[in-house]
Amino acid sequence: MQLVALHAQPDITSGDAGLVALTFFFNLMEHWGCTKDQQCTLLGSIGNTTYFKYKNCRMRG
């Protein structure tokens, strides 16, 4: 007997998934009152250019 999934598995590698994750992250950081430097650290010690790229990507979506 073969099991059939009732729900399709989400594609967590899609651009949409990344946009959802960034939106959640920046909303949570705002709620917690985290600084830009703290956010950069939490995102893996990214630089300013990458930080603003991520933040702008989230705002366009």
C-alpha atoms as a PDB file:
ATOM      1  CA  MET A   1       0.000   0.000   0.000  1.00  0.00           C
ATOM      2  CA  GLN A   2       1.350   3.387  -1.004  1.00  0.00           C
ATOM      3  CA  LEU A   3       0.801   6.497   1.123  1.00  0.00           C
ATOM      4  CA  VAL A   4      -0.426   9.580  -0.703  1.00  0.00           C
ATOM      5  CA  ALA A   5       0.223  13.049   0.688  1.00  0.00           C
ATOM      6  CA  LEU A   6      -2.978  14.976   1.300  1.00  0.00           C
ATOM      7  CA  HIS A   7      -1.237  18.317   0.986  1.00  0.00           C
ATOM      8  CA  ALA A   8       1.529  19.312  -1.370  1.00  0.00           C
ATOM      9  CA  GLN A   9       4.802  20.105   0.327  1.00  0.00           C
ATOM     10  CA  PRO A  10       5.691  23.801   0.096  1.00  0.00           C
ATOM     11  CA  ASP A  11       8.753  24.725  -1.925  1.00  0.00           C
ATOM     12  CA  ILE A  12      10.900  26.371   0.735  1.00  0.00           C
ATOM     13  CA  THR A  13      13.581  27.163  -1.851  1.00  0.00           C
ATOM     14  CA  SER A  14      11.341  29.467  -3.897  1.00  0.00           C
ATOM     15  CA  GLY A  15      11.729  33.219  -4.032  1.00  0.00           C
ATOM     16  CA  ASP A  16       8.294  33.550  -2.477  1.00  0.00           C
ATOM     17  CA  ALA A  17       9.399  31.554   0.546  1.00  0.00           C
ATOM     18  CA  GLY A  18      12.413  33.819   0.955  1.00  0.00           C
ATOM     19  CA  LEU A  19      10.214  36.884   0.736  1.00  0.00           C
ATOM     20  CA  VAL A  20       7.902  35.477   3.417  1.00  0.00           C
ATOM     21  CA  ALA A  21      10.880  34.707   5.650  1.00  0.00           C
ATOM     22  CA  LEU A  22      12.375  38.191   5.240  1.00  0.00           C
ATOM     23  CA  THR A  23       9.020  39.856   5.856  1.00  0.00           C
ATOM     24  CA  PHE A  24       8.558  37.823   9.028  1.00  0.00           C
ATOM     25  CA  PHE A  25      12.119  38.552  10.168  1.00  0.00           C
ATOM     26  CA  PHE A  26      11.931  42.326   9.695  1.00  0.00           C
ATOM     27  CA  ASN A  27       8.458  42.552  11.266  1.00  0.00           C
ATOM     28  CA  LEU A  28       9.682  40.578  14.286  1.00  0.00           C
ATOM     29  CA  MET A  29      12.816  42.699  14.600  1.00  0.00           C
ATOM     30  CA  GLU A  30      10.698  45.852  14.558  1.00  0.00           C
ATOM     31  CA  HIS A  31       8.386  44.393  17.201  1.00  0.00           C
ATOM     32  CA  TRP A  32      11.346  43.471  19.409  1.00  0.00           C
ATOM     33  CA  GLY A  33      13.055  46.835  18.853  1.00  0.00           C
ATOM     34  CA  CYS A  34      16.285  45.345  17.483  1.00  0.00           C
ATOM     35  CA  THR A  35      18.846  47.676  15.973  1.00  0.00           C
ATOM     36  CA  LYS A  36      20.167  47.343  12.426  1.00  0.00           C
ATOM     37  CA  ASP A  37      23.460  46.007  13.809  1.00  0.00           C
ATOM     38  CA  GLN A  38      21.655  43.360  15.850  1.00  0.00           C
ATOM     39  CA  GLN A  39      19.643  42.364  12.797  1.00  0.00           C
ATOM     40  CA  CYS A  40      22.800  42.080  10.682  1.00  0.00           C
ATOM     41  CA  THR A  41      24.301  39.790  13.313  1.00  0.00           C
ATOM     42  CA  LEU A  42      21.193  37.600  13.432  1.00  0.00           C
ATOM     43  CA  LEU A  43      21.242  37.352   9.631  1.00  0.00           C
ATOM     44  CA  GLY A  44      24.747  35.896   9.761  1.00  0.00           C
ATOM     45  CA  SER A  45      26.938  38.969  10.236  1.00  0.00           C
ATOM     46  CA  ILE A  46      25.986  40.406   6.856  1.00  0.00           C
ATOM     47  CA  GLY A  47      27.205  43.807   5.683  1.00  0.00           C
ATOM     48  CA  ASN A  48      25.200  46.974   5.134  1.00  0.00           C
ATOM     49  CA  THR A  49      24.762  46.423   1.394  1.00  0.00           C
ATOM     50  CA  THR A  50      23.247  42.972   1.881  1.00  0.00           C
ATOM     51  CA  TYR A  51      21.102  44.192   4.785  1.00  0.00           C
ATOM     52  CA  PHE A  52      19.533  46.971   2.733  1.00  0.00           C
ATOM     53  CA  LYS A  53      19.134  44.644  -0.261  1.00  0.00           C
ATOM     54  CA  TYR A  54      17.171  42.224   1.940  1.00  0.00           C
ATOM     55  CA  LYS A  55      15.146  45.017   3.496  1.00  0.00           C
ATOM     56  CA  ASN A  56      14.288  46.572   0.109  1.00  0.00           C
ATOM     57  CA  CYS A  57      13.377  43.164  -1.343  1.00  0.00           C
ATOM     58  CA  ARG A  58      10.930  42.649   1.477  1.00  0.00           C
ATOM     59  CA  MET A  59       9.339  46.063   0.879  1.00  0.00           C
ATOM     60  CA  ARG A  60       8.805  45.417  -2.863  1.00  0.00           C
ATOM     61  CA  GLY A  61       7.038  42.106  -2.337  1.00  0.00           C
END
